[in-house]
């Protein structure tokens, strides 16, 4: 059984990772020649090995047995996946109609990339467990979202980015899917195939593999921002880029939290399934998002801007959803308290 820990128990890791991301951006801003593509450290070459490793670990960590436990709730799964891969892009389209002219072009595309990413796995399941929701269904939806994202995210990115020009222009769909098969799907399948023999070993060293996973993401963030800074990221946009990104991340998270909750209630889901719809349907993955962006857009100077929305969204969703999870969990405590009060003998009850 998966061990679910309270976010406070993981706060050191979350805070450390946030500090690491800030440090990577600062280092890239101060000495971009170290980490840029073809730079002193050749991080772009190391990054390819890192991407392969990350998706191998994803494949090793996902249990196919967990898919069977929640498979019967097909309406719930349909809601989550439609929210993840349809509602998010549609919301981006609506926002871009009104606000697109006021947002830097590369950042606008970065928000589209955020919109087509799959859901998270670990934090979605952890938050669902903390909220006393349907953990089996959360595991299934997070796993299914990851599998669909390997295909749907590059497909949607190649179609929309090319049509908007600039970043991603000329992206060949066939070449893109070949890269995905080689660098994302192959290591993922290898991890799944080797899981029966190596799964227990990797489970025993999970703290170390988690550090590797996060270390690769930080390395890719460093390399991506080094390319962007070398191309004039801060001279072109300045700190206003940070403010716009923060507002933009909130403009995605809060409406999608509201939307997923309203849909779940309209579908008549019990509260345990509503929790799954809200947490799995509104989350986006940083762990797969940054490596996939590096693979799809390579040494594009705009890459640092493209991954900025998911970096902000990741931290915001952890904070907000942890508060919501505690609020959901409080209902169980109230129910237990009410049940205990109803069963307790009154003073006038016969002894």
C-alpha atoms as a PDB file:
ATOM      1  CA  UNK A   1       0.000   0.000   0.000  1.00  0.00           C
ATOM      2  CA  UNK A   2       1.255   3.472  -0.825  1.00  0.00           C
ATOM      3  CA  UNK A   3       2.320   5.507   2.192  1.00  0.00           C
ATOM      4  CA  UNK A   4       0.701   8.922   2.181  1.00  0.00           C
ATOM      5  CA  UNK A   5       2.402  11.618   4.193  1.00  0.00           C
ATOM      6  CA  UNK A   6       1.119  14.921   5.410  1.00  0.00           C
ATOM      7  CA  UNK A   7       2.545  17.846   3.387  1.00  0.00           C
ATOM      8  CA  UNK A   8       4.141  19.216   6.570  1.00  0.00           C
ATOM      9  CA  UNK A   9       6.266  16.090   6.708  1.00  0.00           C
ATOM     10  CA  UNK A  10       7.538  16.877   3.232  1.00  0.00           C
ATOM     11  CA  UNK A  11       7.808  20.629   3.606  1.00  0.00           C
ATOM     12  CA  UNK A  12      11.605  20.550   3.875  1.00  0.00           C
ATOM     13  CA  UNK A  13      11.891  18.776   0.522  1.00  0.00           C
ATOM     14  CA  UNK A  14       9.412  21.118  -1.133  1.00  0.00           C
ATOM     15  CA  UNK A  15      11.126  24.208   0.265  1.00  0.00           C
ATOM     16  CA  UNK A  16      14.545  22.867  -0.702  1.00  0.00           C
ATOM     17  CA  UNK A  17      13.401  22.264  -4.251  1.00  0.00           C
ATOM     18  CA  UNK A  18      11.956  25.775  -4.467  1.00  0.00           C
ATOM     19  CA  UNK A  19      15.272  27.199  -3.231  1.00  0.00           C
ATOM     20  CA  UNK A  20      17.040  25.085  -5.838  1.00  0.00           C
ATOM     21  CA  UNK A  21      14.897  26.467  -8.650  1.00  0.00           C
ATOM     22  CA  UNK A  22      15.496  30.037  -7.517  1.00  0.00           C
ATOM     23  CA  UNK A  23      19.227  29.334  -7.291  1.00  0.00           C
ATOM     24  CA  UNK A  24      19.249  27.852 -10.802  1.00  0.00           C
ATOM     25  CA  UNK A  25      17.550  30.951 -12.229  1.00  0.00           C
ATOM     26  CA  UNK A  26      19.912  33.287 -10.349  1.00  0.00           C
ATOM     27  CA  UNK A  27      22.985  31.356 -11.470  1.00  0.00           C
ATOM     28  CA  UNK A  28      21.774  31.388 -15.060  1.00  0.00           C
ATOM     29  CA  UNK A  29      21.139  35.132 -14.805  1.00  0.00           C
ATOM     30  CA  UNK A  30      24.608  35.905 -13.415  1.00  0.00           C
ATOM     31  CA  UNK A  31      26.773  33.564 -15.520  1.00  0.00           C
ATOM     32  CA  UNK A  32      24.706  32.332 -18.474  1.00  0.00           C
ATOM     33  CA  UNK A  33      27.780  31.136 -20.405  1.00  0.00           C
ATOM     34  CA  UNK A  34      28.257  28.273 -17.908  1.00  0.00           C
ATOM     35  CA  UNK A  35      24.961  26.500 -18.487  1.00  0.00           C
ATOM     36  CA  UNK A  36      23.800  27.545 -21.956  1.00  0.00           C
ATOM     37  CA  UNK A  37      23.671  25.152 -24.892  1.00  0.00           C
ATOM     38  CA  UNK A  38      27.234  24.608 -26.060  1.00  0.00           C
ATOM     39  CA  UNK A  39      28.498  26.505 -22.998  1.00  0.00           C
ATOM     40  CA  UNK A  40      31.360  25.784 -20.634  1.00  0.00           C
ATOM     41  CA  UNK A  41      29.669  22.896 -18.801  1.00  0.00           C
ATOM     42  CA  UNK A  42      27.814  21.417 -21.821  1.00  0.00           C
ATOM     43  CA  UNK A  43      24.699  20.927 -19.728  1.00  0.00           C
ATOM     44  CA  UNK A  44      22.621  20.333 -22.851  1.00  0.00           C
ATOM     45  CA  UNK A  45      24.434  17.030 -23.443  1.00  0.00           C
ATOM     46  CA  UNK A  46      24.103  15.968 -19.817  1.00  0.00           C
ATOM     47  CA  UNK A  47      20.415  16.915 -20.003  1.00  0.00           C
ATOM     48  CA  UNK A  48      19.629  14.248 -22.607  1.00  0.00           C
ATOM     49  CA  UNK A  49      20.895  11.547 -20.259  1.00  0.00           C
ATOM     50  CA  UNK A  50      18.891  13.134 -17.455  1.00  0.00           C
ATOM     51  CA  UNK A  51      15.647  13.133 -19.478  1.00  0.00           C
ATOM     52  CA  UNK A  52      16.068   9.427 -20.287  1.00  0.00           C
ATOM     53  CA  UNK A  53      16.740   8.693 -16.601  1.00  0.00           C
ATOM     54  CA  UNK A  54      13.712  10.654 -15.371  1.00  0.00           C
ATOM     55  CA  UNK A  55      11.256   8.784 -17.601  1.00  0.00           C
ATOM     56  CA  UNK A  56      12.864   5.449 -16.775  1.00  0.00           C
ATOM     57  CA  UNK A  57      12.233   6.195 -13.100  1.00  0.00           C
ATOM     58  CA  UNK A  58       8.641   7.217 -13.925  1.00  0.00           C
ATOM     59  CA  UNK A  59       8.119   3.857 -15.630  1.00  0.00           C
ATOM     60  CA  UNK A  60       9.709   2.000 -12.734  1.00  0.00           C
ATOM     61  CA  UNK A  61       7.583   3.841 -10.183  1.00  0.00           C
ATOM     62  CA  UNK A  62       4.108   3.390 -11.713  1.00  0.00           C
ATOM     63  CA  UNK A  63       2.302   0.252 -10.627  1.00  0.00           C
ATOM     64  CA  UNK A  64       0.013  -1.240 -13.270  1.00  0.00           C
ATOM     65  CA  UNK A  65      -1.806  -3.174 -10.529  1.00  0.00           C
ATOM     66  CA  UNK A  66      -3.096   0.124  -9.157  1.00  0.00           C
ATOM     67  CA  UNK A  67      -4.930   0.766 -12.429  1.00  0.00           C
ATOM     68  CA  UNK A  68      -7.254  -2.172 -11.793  1.00  0.00           C
ATOM     69  CA  UNK A  69      -8.444  -0.934  -8.405  1.00  0.00           C
ATOM     70  CA  UNK A  70     -10.246   2.176  -9.620  1.00  0.00           C
ATOM     71  CA  UNK A  71     -11.067   1.192 -13.198  1.00  0.00           C
ATOM     72  CA  UNK A  72     -14.827   0.881 -12.663  1.00  0.00           C
ATOM     73  CA  UNK A  73     -15.438   4.636 -12.178  1.00  0.00           C
ATOM     74  CA  UNK A  74     -15.220   5.480 -15.862  1.00  0.00           C
ATOM     75  CA  UNK A  75     -17.245   8.711 -15.591  1.00  0.00           C
ATOM     76  CA  UNK A  76     -14.803  10.074 -13.032  1.00  0.00           C
ATOM     77  CA  UNK A  77     -11.811   9.145 -15.201  1.00  0.00           C
ATOM     78  CA  UNK A  78     -13.401  10.754 -18.242  1.00  0.00           C
ATOM     79  CA  UNK A  79     -14.005  13.992 -16.327  1.00  0.00           C
ATOM     80  CA  UNK A  80     -10.400  14.159 -15.099  1.00  0.00           C
ATOM     81  CA  UNK A  81      -8.821  13.502 -18.484  1.00  0.00           C
ATOM     82  CA  UNK A  82     -11.151  15.917 -20.314  1.00  0.00           C
ATOM     83  CA  UNK A  83     -10.340  18.623 -17.776  1.00  0.00           C
ATOM     84  CA  UNK A  84      -6.615  17.954 -18.155  1.00  0.00           C
ATOM     85  CA  UNK A  85      -6.339  17.832 -21.943  1.00  0.00           C
ATOM     86  CA  UNK A  86      -9.441  19.706 -23.183  1.00  0.00           C
ATOM     87  CA  UNK A  87     -10.702  22.203 -20.599  1.00  0.00           C
ATOM     88  CA  UNK A  88      -7.239  23.621 -19.871  1.00  0.00           C
ATOM     89  CA  UNK A  89      -6.405  24.342 -23.549  1.00  0.00           C
ATOM     90  CA  UNK A  90      -9.865  25.812 -24.098  1.00  0.00           C
ATOM     91  CA  UNK A  91      -9.400  28.106 -21.090  1.00  0.00           C
ATOM     92  CA  UNK A  92      -6.029  29.184 -22.502  1.00  0.00           C
ATOM     93  CA  UNK A  93      -7.738  29.982 -25.817  1.00  0.00           C
ATOM     94  CA  UNK A  94     -10.372  32.122 -24.093  1.00  0.00           C
ATOM     95  CA  UNK A  95      -7.773  33.996 -22.054  1.00  0.00           C
ATOM     96  CA  UNK A  96      -5.559  34.532 -25.102  1.00  0.00           C
ATOM     97  CA  UNK A  97      -8.431  36.142 -27.010  1.00  0.00           C
ATOM     98  CA  UNK A  98      -8.723  38.912 -24.450  1.00  0.00           C
ATOM     99  CA  UNK A  99      -5.271  39.135 -22.889  1.00  0.00           C
ATOM    100  CA  UNK A 100      -3.012  37.747 -25.608  1.00  0.00           C
ATOM    101  CA  UNK A 101      -1.962  41.168 -26.990  1.00  0.00           C
ATOM    102  CA  UNK A 102      -0.735  42.240 -23.533  1.00  0.00           C
ATOM    103  CA  UNK A 103       1.368  39.131 -22.794  1.00  0.00           C
ATOM    104  CA  UNK A 104       4.833  38.491 -24.293  1.00  0.00           C
ATOM    105  CA  UNK A 105       4.481  36.054 -27.170  1.00  0.00           C
ATOM    106  CA  UNK A 106       6.820  33.384 -25.775  1.00  0.00           C
ATOM    107  CA  UNK A 107       5.171  33.545 -22.345  1.00  0.00           C
ATOM    108  CA  UNK A 108       1.736  33.159 -23.939  1.00  0.00           C
ATOM    109  CA  UNK A 109       2.971  29.980 -25.621  1.00  0.00           C
ATOM    110  CA  UNK A 110       4.452  28.915 -22.294  1.00  0.00           C
ATOM    111  CA  UNK A 111       0.986  29.058 -20.778  1.00  0.00           C
ATOM    112  CA  UNK A 112      -0.307  26.910 -23.627  1.00  0.00           C
ATOM    113  CA  UNK A 113       2.434  24.403 -22.879  1.00  0.00           C
ATOM    114  CA  UNK A 114       1.267  24.426 -19.243  1.00  0.00           C
ATOM    115  CA  UNK A 115      -2.304  23.842 -20.435  1.00  0.00           C
ATOM    116  CA  UNK A 116      -1.453  20.661 -22.405  1.00  0.00           C
ATOM    117  CA  UNK A 117       0.732  19.007 -19.764  1.00  0.00           C
ATOM    118  CA  UNK A 118      -0.536  15.878 -17.955  1.00  0.00           C
ATOM    119  CA  UNK A 119      -1.462  15.813 -14.297  1.00  0.00           C
ATOM    120  CA  UNK A 120       1.010  15.053 -11.523  1.00  0.00           C
ATOM    121  CA  UNK A 121       1.301  11.623  -9.914  1.00  0.00           C
ATOM    122  CA  UNK A 122       2.798  11.885  -6.432  1.00  0.00           C
ATOM    123  CA  UNK A 123       1.231  15.140  -5.245  1.00  0.00           C
ATOM    124  CA  UNK A 124      -2.219  14.325  -6.687  1.00  0.00           C
ATOM    125  CA  UNK A 125      -2.286  10.995  -4.872  1.00  0.00           C
ATOM    126  CA  UNK A 126      -0.822  12.453  -1.684  1.00  0.00           C
ATOM    127  CA  UNK A 127      -3.335  15.303  -1.564  1.00  0.00           C
ATOM    128  CA  UNK A 128      -6.204  12.887  -2.263  1.00  0.00           C
ATOM    129  CA  UNK A 129      -5.080  10.654   0.592  1.00  0.00           C
ATOM    130  CA  UNK A 130      -4.750  13.592   2.965  1.00  0.00           C
ATOM    131  CA  UNK A 131      -8.260  14.756   2.018  1.00  0.00           C
ATOM    132  CA  UNK A 132      -9.641  11.214   2.636  1.00  0.00           C
ATOM    133  CA  UNK A 133     -10.605  10.812  -1.012  1.00  0.00           C
ATOM    134  CA  UNK A 134     -10.633   7.814  -3.372  1.00  0.00           C
ATOM    135  CA  UNK A 135      -6.894   7.047  -3.509  1.00  0.00           C
ATOM    136  CA  UNK A 136      -7.226   4.105  -5.927  1.00  0.00           C
ATOM    137  CA  UNK A 137      -9.047   6.307  -8.455  1.00  0.00           C
ATOM    138  CA  UNK A 138      -6.446   9.063  -7.980  1.00  0.00           C
ATOM    139  CA  UNK A 139      -3.622   6.625  -8.723  1.00  0.00           C
ATOM    140  CA  UNK A 140      -5.392   5.426 -11.861  1.00  0.00           C
ATOM    141  CA  UNK A 141      -6.102   8.929 -13.150  1.00  0.00           C
ATOM    142  CA  UNK A 142      -2.617  10.249 -12.445  1.00  0.00           C
ATOM    143  CA  UNK A 143      -1.064   7.221 -14.137  1.00  0.00           C
ATOM    144  CA  UNK A 144      -3.419   7.406 -17.119  1.00  0.00           C
ATOM    145  CA  UNK A 145      -2.748  11.128 -17.482  1.00  0.00           C
ATOM    146  CA  UNK A 146       1.010  10.495 -17.563  1.00  0.00           C
ATOM    147  CA  UNK A 147       0.630   7.847 -20.270  1.00  0.00           C
ATOM    148  CA  UNK A 148      -1.682  10.027 -22.388  1.00  0.00           C
ATOM    149  CA  UNK A 149       0.607  13.023 -21.928  1.00  0.00           C
ATOM    150  CA  UNK A 150       3.538  11.242 -23.561  1.00  0.00           C
ATOM    151  CA  UNK A 151       1.542  11.383 -26.802  1.00  0.00           C
ATOM    152  CA  UNK A 152      -0.961  14.238 -26.438  1.00  0.00           C
ATOM    153  CA  UNK A 153       1.383  16.923 -25.073  1.00  0.00           C
ATOM    154  CA  UNK A 154       3.912  16.747 -27.954  1.00  0.00           C
ATOM    155  CA  UNK A 155       1.075  16.379 -30.480  1.00  0.00           C
ATOM    156  CA  UNK A 156      -0.792  19.480 -29.320  1.00  0.00           C
ATOM    157  CA  UNK A 157       2.453  21.423 -28.876  1.00  0.00           C
ATOM    158  CA  UNK A 158       3.645  20.644 -32.399  1.00  0.00           C
ATOM    159  CA  UNK A 159       0.315  21.730 -33.900  1.00  0.00           C
ATOM    160  CA  UNK A 160      -0.257  24.945 -31.943  1.00  0.00           C
ATOM    161  CA  UNK A 161       3.297  26.197 -31.521  1.00  0.00           C
ATOM    162  CA  UNK A 162       4.018  25.916 -35.220  1.00  0.00           C
ATOM    163  CA  UNK A 163       0.789  27.668 -36.174  1.00  0.00           C
ATOM    164  CA  UNK A 164       1.604  30.616 -33.889  1.00  0.00           C
ATOM    165  CA  UNK A 165       5.080  31.130 -35.309  1.00  0.00           C
ATOM    166  CA  UNK A 166       8.190  32.008 -33.349  1.00  0.00           C
ATOM    167  CA  UNK A 167       8.922  29.349 -30.773  1.00  0.00           C
ATOM    168  CA  UNK A 168       8.296  25.908 -32.174  1.00  0.00           C
ATOM    169  CA  UNK A 169       7.930  27.215 -35.747  1.00  0.00           C
ATOM    170  CA  UNK A 170       8.753  24.538 -38.244  1.00  0.00           C
ATOM    171  CA  UNK A 171       8.379  21.772 -35.649  1.00  0.00           C
ATOM    172  CA  UNK A 172       7.971  18.591 -37.646  1.00  0.00           C
ATOM    173  CA  UNK A 173       5.300  16.301 -36.180  1.00  0.00           C
ATOM    174  CA  UNK A 174       6.959  13.091 -37.365  1.00  0.00           C
ATOM    175  CA  UNK A 175      10.353  14.117 -36.015  1.00  0.00           C
ATOM    176  CA  UNK A 176       8.756  15.243 -32.752  1.00  0.00           C
ATOM    177  CA  UNK A 177       6.994  11.934 -32.178  1.00  0.00           C
ATOM    178  CA  UNK A 178      10.218  10.054 -33.030  1.00  0.00           C
ATOM    179  CA  UNK A 179      12.042  12.038 -30.333  1.00  0.00           C
ATOM    180  CA  UNK A 180       9.235  11.304 -27.897  1.00  0.00           C
ATOM    181  CA  UNK A 181       9.385   7.582 -28.669  1.00  0.00           C
ATOM    182  CA  UNK A 182      13.154   7.480 -28.230  1.00  0.00           C
ATOM    183  CA  UNK A 183      13.626   9.730 -25.192  1.00  0.00           C
ATOM    184  CA  UNK A 184      10.316   9.441 -23.302  1.00  0.00           C
ATOM    185  CA  UNK A 185       8.397   6.330 -24.306  1.00  0.00           C
ATOM    186  CA  UNK A 186      11.367   3.932 -24.599  1.00  0.00           C
ATOM    187  CA  UNK A 187      12.744   4.563 -21.082  1.00  0.00           C
ATOM    188  CA  UNK A 188       9.209   4.542 -19.652  1.00  0.00           C
ATOM    189  CA  UNK A 189       8.478   1.136 -21.235  1.00  0.00           C
ATOM    190  CA  UNK A 190      11.859  -0.192 -20.103  1.00  0.00           C
ATOM    191  CA  UNK A 191      11.031   0.862 -16.560  1.00  0.00           C
ATOM    192  CA  UNK A 192       7.688  -0.919 -16.723  1.00  0.00           C
ATOM    193  CA  UNK A 193       9.205  -4.091 -18.206  1.00  0.00           C
ATOM    194  CA  UNK A 194      11.976  -4.256 -15.595  1.00  0.00           C
ATOM    195  CA  UNK A 195       9.665  -3.372 -12.699  1.00  0.00           C
ATOM    196  CA  UNK A 196       8.844  -7.025 -11.773  1.00  0.00           C
ATOM    197  CA  UNK A 197      12.551  -7.680 -11.172  1.00  0.00           C
ATOM    198  CA  UNK A 198      13.884  -4.307 -10.038  1.00  0.00           C
ATOM    199  CA  UNK A 199      10.755  -2.667  -8.596  1.00  0.00           C
ATOM    200  CA  UNK A 200      11.429  -3.605  -4.976  1.00  0.00           C
ATOM    201  CA  UNK A 201      15.050  -2.452  -5.223  1.00  0.00           C
ATOM    202  CA  UNK A 202      14.082   0.950  -6.641  1.00  0.00           C
ATOM    203  CA  UNK A 203      11.341   1.247  -4.029  1.00  0.00           C
ATOM    204  CA  UNK A 204      13.944   0.710  -1.291  1.00  0.00           C
ATOM    205  CA  UNK A 205      16.121   3.523  -2.659  1.00  0.00           C
ATOM    206  CA  UNK A 206      13.235   5.864  -3.506  1.00  0.00           C
ATOM    207  CA  UNK A 207      14.649   8.801  -1.480  1.00  0.00           C
ATOM    208  CA  UNK A 208      17.791   8.648  -3.640  1.00  0.00           C
ATOM    209  CA  UNK A 209      15.890   8.330  -6.922  1.00  0.00           C
ATOM    210  CA  UNK A 210      13.701  11.269  -5.886  1.00  0.00           C
ATOM    211  CA  UNK A 211      16.849  13.352  -5.456  1.00  0.00           C
ATOM    212  CA  UNK A 212      18.021  12.285  -8.917  1.00  0.00           C
ATOM    213  CA  UNK A 213      14.640  13.195 -10.392  1.00  0.00           C
ATOM    214  CA  UNK A 214      14.652  16.660  -8.829  1.00  0.00           C
ATOM    215  CA  UNK A 215      18.338  17.163  -9.609  1.00  0.00           C
ATOM    216  CA  UNK A 216      17.690  16.575 -13.310  1.00  0.00           C
ATOM    217  CA  UNK A 217      14.826  19.076 -13.290  1.00  0.00           C
ATOM    218  CA  UNK A 218      17.028  21.720 -11.636  1.00  0.00           C
ATOM    219  CA  UNK A 219      19.782  21.062 -14.172  1.00  0.00           C
ATOM    220  CA  UNK A 220      17.325  21.489 -17.056  1.00  0.00           C
ATOM    221  CA  UNK A 221      15.933  24.690 -15.525  1.00  0.00           C
ATOM    222  CA  UNK A 222      19.489  26.025 -15.206  1.00  0.00           C
ATOM    223  CA  UNK A 223      20.306  25.174 -18.822  1.00  0.00           C
ATOM    224  CA  UNK A 224      17.017  26.545 -20.152  1.00  0.00           C
ATOM    225  CA  UNK A 225      17.327  29.861 -18.344  1.00  0.00           C
ATOM    226  CA  UNK A 226      20.986  30.178 -19.329  1.00  0.00           C
ATOM    227  CA  UNK A 227      19.935  30.023 -22.989  1.00  0.00           C
ATOM    228  CA  UNK A 228      17.200  32.598 -22.438  1.00  0.00           C
ATOM    229  CA  UNK A 229      19.385  35.000 -20.445  1.00  0.00           C
ATOM    230  CA  UNK A 230      22.108  34.762 -23.068  1.00  0.00           C
ATOM    231  CA  UNK A 231      19.445  35.717 -25.628  1.00  0.00           C
ATOM    232  CA  UNK A 232      18.460  38.807 -23.593  1.00  0.00           C
ATOM    233  CA  UNK A 233      15.620  37.507 -21.414  1.00  0.00           C
ATOM    234  CA  UNK A 234      15.881  40.181 -18.710  1.00  0.00           C
ATOM    235  CA  UNK A 235      16.826  43.037 -21.012  1.00  0.00           C
ATOM    236  CA  UNK A 236      13.765  42.336 -23.179  1.00  0.00           C
ATOM    237  CA  UNK A 237      11.193  41.731 -20.433  1.00  0.00           C
ATOM    238  CA  UNK A 238      12.572  42.643 -17.003  1.00  0.00           C
ATOM    239  CA  UNK A 239      10.878  41.718 -13.717  1.00  0.00           C
ATOM    240  CA  UNK A 240       7.451  42.405 -15.204  1.00  0.00           C
ATOM    241  CA  UNK A 241       7.728  38.924 -16.711  1.00  0.00           C
ATOM    242  CA  UNK A 242       7.696  37.420 -13.205  1.00  0.00           C
ATOM    243  CA  UNK A 243       4.621  39.412 -12.169  1.00  0.00           C
ATOM    244  CA  UNK A 244       2.705  38.468 -15.333  1.00  0.00           C
ATOM    245  CA  UNK A 245       3.593  34.807 -14.866  1.00  0.00           C
ATOM    246  CA  UNK A 246       2.415  34.742 -11.260  1.00  0.00           C
ATOM    247  CA  UNK A 247      -0.910  36.359 -12.153  1.00  0.00           C
ATOM    248  CA  UNK A 248      -1.248  34.026 -15.127  1.00  0.00           C
ATOM    249  CA  UNK A 249      -0.618  30.905 -13.008  1.00  0.00           C
ATOM    250  CA  UNK A 250      -3.322  32.007 -10.569  1.00  0.00           C
ATOM    251  CA  UNK A 251      -5.647  32.721 -13.519  1.00  0.00           C
ATOM    252  CA  UNK A 252      -5.370  29.057 -14.485  1.00  0.00           C
ATOM    253  CA  UNK A 253      -5.361  27.361 -11.087  1.00  0.00           C
ATOM    254  CA  UNK A 254      -8.311  28.994  -9.326  1.00  0.00           C
ATOM    255  CA  UNK A 255     -10.789  28.818 -12.246  1.00  0.00           C
ATOM    256  CA  UNK A 256      -9.866  25.165 -12.869  1.00  0.00           C
ATOM    257  CA  UNK A 257     -10.284  24.278  -9.192  1.00  0.00           C
ATOM    258  CA  UNK A 258     -13.736  25.895  -9.292  1.00  0.00           C
ATOM    259  CA  UNK A 259     -14.625  24.227 -12.609  1.00  0.00           C
ATOM    260  CA  UNK A 260     -13.592  20.698 -11.593  1.00  0.00           C
ATOM    261  CA  UNK A 261     -15.537  20.976  -8.341  1.00  0.00           C
ATOM    262  CA  UNK A 262     -18.677  22.244 -10.101  1.00  0.00           C
ATOM    263  CA  UNK A 263     -18.497  19.464 -12.710  1.00  0.00           C
ATOM    264  CA  UNK A 264     -18.024  16.798 -10.030  1.00  0.00           C
ATOM    265  CA  UNK A 265     -21.081  18.038  -8.133  1.00  0.00           C
ATOM    266  CA  UNK A 266     -23.134  18.272 -11.327  1.00  0.00           C
ATOM    267  CA  UNK A 267     -22.219  14.650 -12.123  1.00  0.00           C
ATOM    268  CA  UNK A 268     -23.412  13.601  -8.675  1.00  0.00           C
ATOM    269  CA  UNK A 269     -20.060  12.220  -7.557  1.00  0.00           C
ATOM    270  CA  UNK A 270     -19.655  11.285  -3.893  1.00  0.00           C
ATOM    271  CA  UNK A 271     -17.256  13.564  -2.056  1.00  0.00           C
ATOM    272  CA  UNK A 272     -14.441  10.971  -2.245  1.00  0.00           C
ATOM    273  CA  UNK A 273     -14.617  11.061  -6.067  1.00  0.00           C
ATOM    274  CA  UNK A 274     -15.097  14.825  -6.101  1.00  0.00           C
ATOM    275  CA  UNK A 275     -11.719  15.116  -4.367  1.00  0.00           C
ATOM    276  CA  UNK A 276     -10.110  13.068  -7.145  1.00  0.00           C
ATOM    277  CA  UNK A 277     -11.717  15.225  -9.830  1.00  0.00           C
ATOM    278  CA  UNK A 278     -10.546  18.440  -8.161  1.00  0.00           C
ATOM    279  CA  UNK A 279      -6.970  17.427  -7.357  1.00  0.00           C
ATOM    280  CA  UNK A 280      -6.177  15.287 -10.426  1.00  0.00           C
ATOM    281  CA  UNK A 281      -8.100  17.480 -12.882  1.00  0.00           C
ATOM    282  CA  UNK A 282      -6.480  20.773 -11.850  1.00  0.00           C
ATOM    283  CA  UNK A 283      -2.833  19.752 -11.363  1.00  0.00           C
ATOM    284  CA  UNK A 284      -0.003  19.925 -13.887  1.00  0.00           C
ATOM    285  CA  UNK A 285       3.308  18.098 -13.740  1.00  0.00           C
ATOM    286  CA  UNK A 286       6.637  19.838 -13.351  1.00  0.00           C
ATOM    287  CA  UNK A 287       8.516  16.525 -13.165  1.00  0.00           C
ATOM    288  CA  UNK A 288       7.573  15.593 -16.748  1.00  0.00           C
ATOM    289  CA  UNK A 289       6.976  19.119 -18.033  1.00  0.00           C
ATOM    290  CA  UNK A 290      10.522  20.485 -17.837  1.00  0.00           C
ATOM    291  CA  UNK A 291      12.263  17.418 -19.358  1.00  0.00           C
ATOM    292  CA  UNK A 292       9.650  17.204 -22.111  1.00  0.00           C
ATOM    293  CA  UNK A 293      10.073  20.906 -22.931  1.00  0.00           C
ATOM    294  CA  UNK A 294      13.829  20.437 -23.184  1.00  0.00           C
ATOM    295  CA  UNK A 295      13.286  17.528 -25.552  1.00  0.00           C
ATOM    296  CA  UNK A 296      10.695  19.273 -27.732  1.00  0.00           C
ATOM    297  CA  UNK A 297      12.304  22.709 -28.004  1.00  0.00           C
ATOM    298  CA  UNK A 298      15.989  21.849 -27.548  1.00  0.00           C
ATOM    299  CA  UNK A 299      18.253  24.869 -27.299  1.00  0.00           C
ATOM    300  CA  UNK A 300      15.568  27.376 -28.275  1.00  0.00           C
ATOM    301  CA  UNK A 301      16.484  30.668 -26.537  1.00  0.00           C
ATOM    302  CA  UNK A 302      12.853  31.068 -25.438  1.00  0.00           C
ATOM    303  CA  UNK A 303      12.886  27.814 -23.460  1.00  0.00           C
ATOM    304  CA  UNK A 304      13.398  29.567 -20.124  1.00  0.00           C
ATOM    305  CA  UNK A 305      10.242  31.595 -20.722  1.00  0.00           C
ATOM    306  CA  UNK A 306       8.312  28.520 -21.838  1.00  0.00           C
ATOM    307  CA  UNK A 307       8.917  26.640 -18.581  1.00  0.00           C
ATOM    308  CA  UNK A 308       8.353  29.668 -16.333  1.00  0.00           C
ATOM    309  CA  UNK A 309       4.545  29.156 -16.082  1.00  0.00           C
ATOM    310  CA  UNK A 310       4.824  25.530 -14.936  1.00  0.00           C
ATOM    311  CA  UNK A 311       7.483  26.497 -12.364  1.00  0.00           C
ATOM    312  CA  UNK A 312       5.124  29.050 -10.795  1.00  0.00           C
ATOM    313  CA  UNK A 313       2.039  26.864 -11.206  1.00  0.00           C
ATOM    314  CA  UNK A 314       3.762  23.937  -9.493  1.00  0.00           C
ATOM    315  CA  UNK A 315       4.454  25.844  -6.289  1.00  0.00           C
ATOM    316  CA  UNK A 316       1.056  27.554  -6.270  1.00  0.00           C
ATOM    317  CA  UNK A 317      -0.866  24.299  -6.722  1.00  0.00           C
ATOM    318  CA  UNK A 318       1.034  22.640  -3.858  1.00  0.00           C
ATOM    319  CA  UNK A 319       0.227  25.464  -1.461  1.00  0.00           C
ATOM    320  CA  UNK A 320      -3.431  25.932  -2.393  1.00  0.00           C
ATOM    321  CA  UNK A 321      -4.277  22.239  -2.711  1.00  0.00           C
ATOM    322  CA  UNK A 322      -2.692  21.411   0.645  1.00  0.00           C
ATOM    323  CA  UNK A 323      -5.049  23.922   2.275  1.00  0.00           C
ATOM    324  CA  UNK A 324      -8.009  22.437   0.408  1.00  0.00           C
ATOM    325  CA  UNK A 325      -6.973  18.902   1.392  1.00  0.00           C
ATOM    326  CA  UNK A 326      -7.016  19.843   5.082  1.00  0.00           C
ATOM    327  CA  UNK A 327     -10.463  21.380   4.651  1.00  0.00           C
ATOM    328  CA  UNK A 328     -11.763  18.226   2.959  1.00  0.00           C
ATOM    329  CA  UNK A 329     -10.209  16.057   5.690  1.00  0.00           C
ATOM    330  CA  UNK A 330     -11.958  18.075   8.396  1.00  0.00           C
ATOM    331  CA  UNK A 331     -15.301  16.681   7.224  1.00  0.00           C
ATOM    332  CA  UNK A 332     -14.235  13.186   8.318  1.00  0.00           C
ATOM    333  CA  UNK A 333     -13.296  14.451  11.758  1.00  0.00           C
ATOM    334  CA  UNK A 334     -16.709  16.140  12.053  1.00  0.00           C
ATOM    335  CA  UNK A 335     -18.491  12.954  10.960  1.00  0.00           C
ATOM    336  CA  UNK A 336     -16.544  10.842  13.450  1.00  0.00           C
ATOM    337  CA  UNK A 337     -17.275  13.358  16.201  1.00  0.00           C
ATOM    338  CA  UNK A 338     -20.983  13.372  15.381  1.00  0.00           C
ATOM    339  CA  UNK A 339     -21.092   9.564  15.308  1.00  0.00           C
ATOM    340  CA  UNK A 340     -19.309   9.339  18.652  1.00  0.00           C
ATOM    341  CA  UNK A 341     -21.704  11.865  20.184  1.00  0.00           C
ATOM    342  CA  UNK A 342     -24.735   9.947  18.895  1.00  0.00           C
ATOM    343  CA  UNK A 343     -23.488   6.672  20.392  1.00  0.00           C
ATOM    344  CA  UNK A 344     -22.474   8.129  23.770  1.00  0.00           C
ATOM    345  CA  UNK A 345     -25.009   7.370  26.570  1.00  0.00           C
ATOM    346  CA  UNK A 346     -26.914  10.367  27.923  1.00  0.00           C
ATOM    347  CA  UNK A 347     -27.240  11.179  31.616  1.00  0.00           C
ATOM    348  CA  UNK A 348     -30.849   9.941  31.691  1.00  0.00           C
ATOM    349  CA  UNK A 349     -30.107   6.686  29.855  1.00  0.00           C
ATOM    350  CA  UNK A 350     -30.656   3.518  31.932  1.00  0.00           C
ATOM    351  CA  UNK A 351     -27.443   1.915  33.134  1.00  0.00           C
END
